[in-house]
Amino acid sequence: WYALGVRRGFTKQQLLNISTQSMGPAGIIILLTGAGGVFKQMLVNTGTGEMLANYFADKGVSILLFAFLAAALVRILQGSSTVAMITAAGLTAPLLTAASISEPQKALLVIAIASGASILS
């Protein structure tokens, strides 16, 4: 407040107005991120995520492809990249417990989720 506001000549009221205006967009981002976490947890708690993971594992679909498709589908249907990444990570987690993958493969999994969540951007 002091270094960026008072010292530059802003009054307390001006600083309050600037802070208030900046909280609106930030609040929406926090709300959207929280909603994505709730959606992911709902899929995990209801068993939907594990069911989807088992279905794709039985069909022989790779974990990377499943993660990409899950993120892309949520991104297309819901519209938020953040929610898509959170949801895809939650859906992919049951597959990781069954498979032993290396650290580079985990890095590729993160890239697959981020790529799927960036589709149609």
N, C-alpha and C. Protein backbone atom coordinates (compact mmCIF):
# COMPACT_ATOMS: atom_id res chain seq x y z
N TRP A 1 0.82 -1.18 0.00
CA TRP A 1 0.00 0.00 0.00
C TRP A 1 0.87 1.24 0.00
N TYR A 2 1.86 1.24 0.85
CA TYR A 2 2.68 2.45 0.98
C TYR A 2 3.53 2.67 -0.27
N ALA A 3 4.27 1.64 -0.67
CA ALA A 3 5.22 1.80 -1.77
C ALA A 3 4.52 2.04 -3.11
N LEU A 4 3.42 1.34 -3.35
CA LEU A 4 2.74 1.46 -4.64
C LEU A 4 1.60 2.47 -4.64
N GLY A 5 1.19 2.94 -3.48
CA GLY A 5 0.04 3.81 -3.44
C GLY A 5 0.29 5.15 -2.78
N VAL A 6 0.46 5.12 -1.49
CA VAL A 6 0.59 6.36 -0.72
C VAL A 6 1.82 7.14 -1.18
N ARG A 7 2.90 6.46 -1.37
CA ARG A 7 4.15 7.12 -1.77
C ARG A 7 4.03 7.75 -3.16
N ARG A 8 3.16 7.24 -3.98
CA ARG A 8 2.97 7.78 -5.34
C ARG A 8 1.87 8.84 -5.40
N GLY A 9 1.30 9.17 -4.25
CA GLY A 9 0.35 10.27 -4.21
C GLY A 9 -1.12 9.88 -4.20
N PHE A 10 -1.44 8.60 -4.12
CA PHE A 10 -2.83 8.18 -4.06
C PHE A 10 -3.36 8.38 -2.64
N THR A 11 -4.63 8.76 -2.55
CA THR A 11 -5.26 8.87 -1.23
C THR A 11 -5.74 7.49 -0.80
N LYS A 12 -6.13 7.40 0.47
CA LYS A 12 -6.64 6.12 0.97
C LYS A 12 -7.91 5.72 0.23
N GLN A 13 -8.76 6.68 -0.10
CA GLN A 13 -10.00 6.38 -0.82
C GLN A 13 -9.71 5.88 -2.23
N GLN A 14 -8.73 6.48 -2.90
CA GLN A 14 -8.36 6.03 -4.24
C GLN A 14 -7.79 4.61 -4.19
N LEU A 15 -6.97 4.33 -3.20
CA LEU A 15 -6.43 2.97 -3.05
C LEU A 15 -7.54 1.97 -2.76
N LEU A 16 -8.52 2.36 -1.96
CA LEU A 16 -9.66 1.48 -1.68
C LEU A 16 -10.45 1.20 -2.95
N ASN A 17 -10.68 2.23 -3.76
CA ASN A 17 -11.41 2.04 -5.02
C ASN A 17 -10.65 1.12 -5.98
N ILE A 18 -9.35 1.31 -6.07
CA ILE A 18 -8.53 0.45 -6.95
C ILE A 18 -8.59 -0.99 -6.46
N SER A 19 -8.47 -1.19 -5.16
CA SER A 19 -8.51 -2.55 -4.60
C SER A 19 -9.87 -3.20 -4.83
N THR A 20 -10.93 -2.42 -4.64
CA THR A 20 -12.28 -2.96 -4.82
C THR A 20 -12.52 -3.37 -6.27
N GLN A 21 -12.07 -2.55 -7.21
CA GLN A 21 -12.25 -2.87 -8.62
C GLN A 21 -11.46 -4.12 -9.03
N SER A 22 -10.33 -4.34 -8.43
CA SER A 22 -9.51 -5.50 -8.81
C SER A 22 -10.01 -6.79 -8.18
N MET A 23 -10.81 -6.72 -7.13
CA MET A 23 -11.30 -7.92 -6.46
C MET A 23 -12.38 -8.64 -7.26
N GLY A 24 -13.14 -7.94 -8.08
CA GLY A 24 -14.21 -8.57 -8.86
C GLY A 24 -13.70 -9.66 -9.78
N PRO A 25 -12.79 -9.35 -10.69
CA PRO A 25 -12.26 -10.40 -11.57
C PRO A 25 -11.53 -11.51 -10.81
N ALA A 26 -10.81 -11.14 -9.76
CA ALA A 26 -10.09 -12.16 -8.99
C ALA A 26 -11.06 -13.10 -8.30
N GLY A 27 -12.17 -12.57 -7.81
CA GLY A 27 -13.18 -13.40 -7.15
C GLY A 27 -13.80 -14.41 -8.10
N ILE A 28 -14.02 -14.00 -9.34
CA ILE A 28 -14.59 -14.91 -10.33
C ILE A 28 -13.63 -16.06 -10.61
N ILE A 29 -12.35 -15.75 -10.71
CA ILE A 29 -11.35 -16.80 -10.96
C ILE A 29 -11.30 -17.78 -9.80
N ILE A 30 -11.32 -17.27 -8.58
CA ILE A 30 -11.30 -18.14 -7.40
C ILE A 30 -12.55 -19.00 -7.34
N LEU A 31 -13.71 -18.41 -7.65
CA LEU A 31 -14.96 -19.16 -7.66
C LEU A 31 -14.94 -20.26 -8.72
N LEU A 32 -14.44 -19.95 -9.90
CA LEU A 32 -14.37 -20.94 -10.98
C LEU A 32 -13.43 -22.08 -10.63
N THR A 33 -12.30 -21.77 -10.04
CA THR A 33 -11.36 -22.80 -9.64
C THR A 33 -11.97 -23.70 -8.57
N GLY A 34 -12.66 -23.10 -7.62
CA GLY A 34 -13.33 -23.89 -6.57
C GLY A 34 -14.41 -24.78 -7.15
N ALA A 35 -15.16 -24.27 -8.13
CA ALA A 35 -16.20 -25.07 -8.77
C ALA A 35 -15.60 -26.26 -9.51
N GLY A 36 -14.44 -26.05 -10.12
CA GLY A 36 -13.76 -27.16 -10.79
C GLY A 36 -13.34 -28.23 -9.82
N GLY A 37 -12.85 -27.82 -8.67
CA GLY A 37 -12.47 -28.78 -7.64
C GLY A 37 -13.66 -29.56 -7.11
N VAL A 38 -14.79 -28.88 -6.95
CA VAL A 38 -16.02 -29.55 -6.50
C VAL A 38 -16.48 -30.55 -7.55
N PHE A 39 -16.45 -30.16 -8.82
CA PHE A 39 -16.87 -31.06 -9.90
C PHE A 39 -15.99 -32.30 -9.95
N LYS A 40 -14.68 -32.10 -9.84
CA LYS A 40 -13.75 -33.23 -9.84
C LYS A 40 -14.03 -34.15 -8.67
N GLN A 41 -14.24 -33.58 -7.49
CA GLN A 41 -14.47 -34.40 -6.30
C GLN A 41 -15.79 -35.15 -6.39
N MET A 42 -16.80 -34.53 -7.02
CA MET A 42 -18.08 -35.22 -7.22
C MET A 42 -17.89 -36.45 -8.11
N LEU A 43 -17.10 -36.31 -9.17
CA LEU A 43 -16.83 -37.45 -10.04
C LEU A 43 -16.06 -38.54 -9.32
N VAL A 44 -15.14 -38.15 -8.46
CA VAL A 44 -14.36 -39.13 -7.70
C VAL A 44 -15.22 -39.81 -6.66
N ASN A 45 -15.99 -39.04 -5.89
CA ASN A 45 -16.81 -39.62 -4.81
C ASN A 45 -17.92 -40.52 -5.31
N THR A 46 -18.49 -40.21 -6.46
CA THR A 46 -19.56 -41.05 -7.00
C THR A 46 -19.04 -42.29 -7.70
N GLY A 47 -17.73 -42.35 -7.91
CA GLY A 47 -17.15 -43.51 -8.57
C GLY A 47 -17.13 -43.39 -10.08
N THR A 48 -17.62 -42.27 -10.60
CA THR A 48 -17.65 -42.08 -12.04
C THR A 48 -16.24 -42.05 -12.62
N GLY A 49 -15.35 -41.37 -11.94
CA GLY A 49 -13.97 -41.30 -12.42
C GLY A 49 -13.31 -42.66 -12.48
N GLU A 50 -13.49 -43.46 -11.44
CA GLU A 50 -12.89 -44.79 -11.42
C GLU A 50 -13.53 -45.69 -12.48
N MET A 51 -14.84 -45.55 -12.67
CA MET A 51 -15.53 -46.35 -13.68
C MET A 51 -15.00 -46.02 -15.08
N LEU A 52 -14.86 -44.72 -15.37
CA LEU A 52 -14.32 -44.31 -16.67
C LEU A 52 -12.88 -44.79 -16.84
N ALA A 53 -12.09 -44.66 -15.80
CA ALA A 53 -10.70 -45.09 -15.87
C ALA A 53 -10.60 -46.59 -16.12
N ASN A 54 -11.41 -47.37 -15.42
CA ASN A 54 -11.41 -48.83 -15.62
C ASN A 54 -11.89 -49.20 -17.01
N TYR A 55 -12.91 -48.50 -17.51
CA TYR A 55 -13.43 -48.78 -18.84
C TYR A 55 -12.35 -48.58 -19.90
N PHE A 56 -11.68 -47.43 -19.82
CA PHE A 56 -10.64 -47.15 -20.81
C PHE A 56 -9.43 -48.06 -20.64
N ALA A 57 -9.12 -48.44 -19.42
CA ALA A 57 -8.00 -49.36 -19.19
C ALA A 57 -8.32 -50.73 -19.77
N ASP A 58 -9.57 -51.19 -19.62
CA ASP A 58 -9.98 -52.47 -20.19
C ASP A 58 -9.94 -52.46 -21.71
N LYS A 59 -10.19 -51.31 -22.31
CA LYS A 59 -10.17 -51.18 -23.77
C LYS A 59 -8.75 -51.01 -24.31
N GLY A 60 -7.78 -50.89 -23.41
CA GLY A 60 -6.39 -50.77 -23.84
C GLY A 60 -5.97 -49.36 -24.23
N VAL A 61 -6.74 -48.37 -23.83
CA VAL A 61 -6.39 -46.98 -24.14
C VAL A 61 -5.26 -46.54 -23.20
N SER A 62 -4.27 -45.88 -23.75
CA SER A 62 -3.14 -45.45 -22.92
C SER A 62 -3.58 -44.37 -21.93
N ILE A 63 -2.84 -44.27 -20.84
CA ILE A 63 -3.15 -43.27 -19.82
C ILE A 63 -3.02 -41.86 -20.41
N LEU A 64 -2.03 -41.66 -21.27
CA LEU A 64 -1.82 -40.35 -21.87
C LEU A 64 -3.01 -39.93 -22.74
N LEU A 65 -3.50 -40.86 -23.54
CA LEU A 65 -4.65 -40.56 -24.39
C LEU A 65 -5.89 -40.31 -23.55
N PHE A 66 -6.10 -41.11 -22.52
CA PHE A 66 -7.25 -40.91 -21.64
C PHE A 66 -7.20 -39.54 -20.98
N ALA A 67 -6.03 -39.16 -20.48
CA ALA A 67 -5.88 -37.86 -19.81
C ALA A 67 -6.16 -36.72 -20.78
N PHE A 68 -5.63 -36.83 -22.00
CA PHE A 68 -5.87 -35.80 -23.01
C PHE A 68 -7.35 -35.70 -23.35
N LEU A 69 -7.98 -36.84 -23.61
CA LEU A 69 -9.40 -36.84 -23.98
C LEU A 69 -10.29 -36.33 -22.85
N ALA A 70 -9.97 -36.70 -21.62
CA ALA A 70 -10.77 -36.23 -20.48
C ALA A 70 -10.68 -34.72 -20.36
N ALA A 71 -9.48 -34.18 -20.46
CA ALA A 71 -9.30 -32.73 -20.36
C ALA A 71 -9.97 -32.01 -21.53
N ALA A 72 -9.82 -32.55 -22.73
CA ALA A 72 -10.42 -31.92 -23.91
C ALA A 72 -11.94 -31.95 -23.83
N LEU A 73 -12.50 -33.05 -23.39
CA LEU A 73 -13.96 -33.16 -23.30
C LEU A 73 -14.53 -32.18 -22.29
N VAL A 74 -13.91 -32.09 -21.13
CA VAL A 74 -14.39 -31.15 -20.12
C VAL A 74 -14.22 -29.72 -20.61
N ARG A 75 -13.12 -29.43 -21.29
CA ARG A 75 -12.88 -28.08 -21.82
C ARG A 75 -13.93 -27.71 -22.85
N ILE A 76 -14.26 -28.63 -23.73
CA ILE A 76 -15.26 -28.35 -24.76
C ILE A 76 -16.65 -28.20 -24.15
N LEU A 77 -17.00 -29.06 -23.22
CA LEU A 77 -18.34 -29.04 -22.64
C LEU A 77 -18.53 -27.91 -21.63
N GLN A 78 -17.50 -27.60 -20.86
CA GLN A 78 -17.64 -26.64 -19.78
C GLN A 78 -17.04 -25.28 -20.11
N GLY A 79 -15.94 -25.27 -20.84
CA GLY A 79 -15.37 -24.02 -21.29
C GLY A 79 -14.19 -23.49 -20.51
N SER A 80 -13.89 -24.05 -19.37
CA SER A 80 -12.80 -23.54 -18.55
C SER A 80 -11.60 -24.47 -18.59
N SER A 81 -10.44 -23.92 -18.92
CA SER A 81 -9.22 -24.73 -18.93
C SER A 81 -8.83 -25.18 -17.53
N THR A 82 -9.02 -24.29 -16.57
CA THR A 82 -8.66 -24.63 -15.19
C THR A 82 -9.48 -25.79 -14.68
N VAL A 83 -10.78 -25.73 -14.90
CA VAL A 83 -11.67 -26.82 -14.47
C VAL A 83 -11.33 -28.10 -15.22
N ALA A 84 -11.00 -27.98 -16.50
CA ALA A 84 -10.66 -29.16 -17.29
C ALA A 84 -9.40 -29.85 -16.75
N MET A 85 -8.40 -29.06 -16.37
CA MET A 85 -7.17 -29.66 -15.84
C MET A 85 -7.40 -30.32 -14.48
N ILE A 86 -8.15 -29.65 -13.62
CA ILE A 86 -8.43 -30.22 -12.30
C ILE A 86 -9.22 -31.51 -12.44
N THR A 87 -10.23 -31.50 -13.29
CA THR A 87 -11.08 -32.67 -13.48
C THR A 87 -10.31 -33.82 -14.12
N ALA A 88 -9.54 -33.53 -15.15
CA ALA A 88 -8.77 -34.59 -15.82
C ALA A 88 -7.75 -35.22 -14.88
N ALA A 89 -7.14 -34.42 -14.05
CA ALA A 89 -6.18 -34.96 -13.08
C ALA A 89 -6.89 -35.89 -12.10
N GLY A 90 -8.07 -35.50 -11.65
CA GLY A 90 -8.83 -36.35 -10.73
C GLY A 90 -9.30 -37.64 -11.37
N LEU A 91 -9.67 -37.56 -12.65
CA LEU A 91 -10.13 -38.76 -13.34
C LEU A 91 -8.98 -39.71 -13.67
N THR A 92 -7.80 -39.16 -13.89
CA THR A 92 -6.64 -39.96 -14.26
C THR A 92 -5.98 -40.62 -13.05
N ALA A 93 -6.19 -40.07 -11.88
CA ALA A 93 -5.53 -40.59 -10.67
C ALA A 93 -5.76 -42.08 -10.42
N PRO A 94 -6.99 -42.62 -10.62
CA PRO A 94 -7.16 -44.07 -10.40
C PRO A 94 -6.31 -44.93 -11.32
N LEU A 95 -6.03 -44.45 -12.52
CA LEU A 95 -5.19 -45.21 -13.44
C LEU A 95 -3.74 -45.23 -12.98
N LEU A 96 -3.32 -44.19 -12.32
CA LEU A 96 -1.92 -44.11 -11.88
C LEU A 96 -1.63 -45.05 -10.73
N THR A 97 -2.62 -45.33 -9.91
CA THR A 97 -2.39 -46.24 -8.79
C THR A 97 -2.17 -47.67 -9.28
N ALA A 98 -2.81 -48.03 -10.38
CA ALA A 98 -2.67 -49.39 -10.90
C ALA A 98 -1.41 -49.55 -11.75
N ALA A 99 -0.98 -48.48 -12.41
CA ALA A 99 0.17 -48.57 -13.31
C ALA A 99 1.40 -47.97 -12.63
N SER A 100 2.52 -48.57 -12.92
CA SER A 100 3.77 -47.98 -12.42
C SER A 100 4.41 -47.23 -13.58
N ILE A 101 4.41 -45.93 -13.48
CA ILE A 101 4.98 -45.12 -14.56
C ILE A 101 6.17 -44.34 -14.02
N SER A 102 7.07 -44.04 -14.92
CA SER A 102 8.31 -43.34 -14.55
C SER A 102 8.06 -41.84 -14.43
N GLU A 103 9.05 -41.15 -13.93
CA GLU A 103 8.94 -39.69 -13.77
C GLU A 103 8.78 -38.98 -15.12
N PRO A 104 9.52 -39.35 -16.17
CA PRO A 104 9.28 -38.72 -17.47
C PRO A 104 7.86 -38.97 -18.00
N GLN A 105 7.32 -40.15 -17.74
CA GLN A 105 5.95 -40.43 -18.16
C GLN A 105 4.96 -39.58 -17.38
N LYS A 106 5.24 -39.31 -16.12
CA LYS A 106 4.38 -38.41 -15.34
C LYS A 106 4.41 -37.00 -15.92
N ALA A 107 5.60 -36.58 -16.35
CA ALA A 107 5.72 -35.26 -16.98
C ALA A 107 4.92 -35.21 -18.28
N LEU A 108 4.97 -36.28 -19.06
CA LEU A 108 4.17 -36.34 -20.29
C LEU A 108 2.68 -36.33 -19.98
N LEU A 109 2.30 -36.95 -18.88
CA LEU A 109 0.90 -36.96 -18.47
C LEU A 109 0.42 -35.54 -18.15
N VAL A 110 1.25 -34.78 -17.47
CA VAL A 110 0.92 -33.38 -17.18
C VAL A 110 0.77 -32.59 -18.47
N ILE A 111 1.67 -32.82 -19.42
CA ILE A 111 1.59 -32.13 -20.71
C ILE A 111 0.34 -32.54 -21.47
N ALA A 112 -0.03 -33.82 -21.41
CA ALA A 112 -1.24 -34.28 -22.08
C ALA A 112 -2.48 -33.62 -21.50
N ILE A 113 -2.54 -33.50 -20.18
CA ILE A 113 -3.69 -32.85 -19.54
C ILE A 113 -3.74 -31.37 -19.92
N ALA A 114 -2.60 -30.70 -19.88
CA ALA A 114 -2.57 -29.28 -20.23
C ALA A 114 -2.92 -29.07 -21.70
N SER A 115 -2.47 -29.97 -22.57
CA SER A 115 -2.79 -29.86 -23.99
C SER A 115 -4.27 -30.06 -24.24
N GLY A 116 -4.85 -31.05 -23.59
CA GLY A 116 -6.28 -31.27 -23.74
C GLY A 116 -7.11 -30.11 -23.23
N ALA A 117 -6.66 -29.51 -22.14
CA ALA A 117 -7.39 -28.38 -21.57
C ALA A 117 -7.23 -27.11 -22.39
N SER A 118 -6.25 -27.09 -23.29
CA SER A 118 -6.01 -25.91 -24.12
C SER A 118 -6.70 -26.01 -25.48
N ILE A 119 -7.38 -27.10 -25.72
CA ILE A 119 -8.02 -27.30 -27.02
C ILE A 119 -9.11 -26.24 -27.24
N LEU A 120 -9.25 -25.81 -28.46
CA LEU A 120 -10.22 -24.79 -28.86
C LEU A 120 -9.98 -23.45 -28.19
N SER A 121 -8.74 -23.17 -27.84
CA SER A 121 -8.42 -21.86 -27.23
C SER A 121 -7.94 -20.89 -28.28
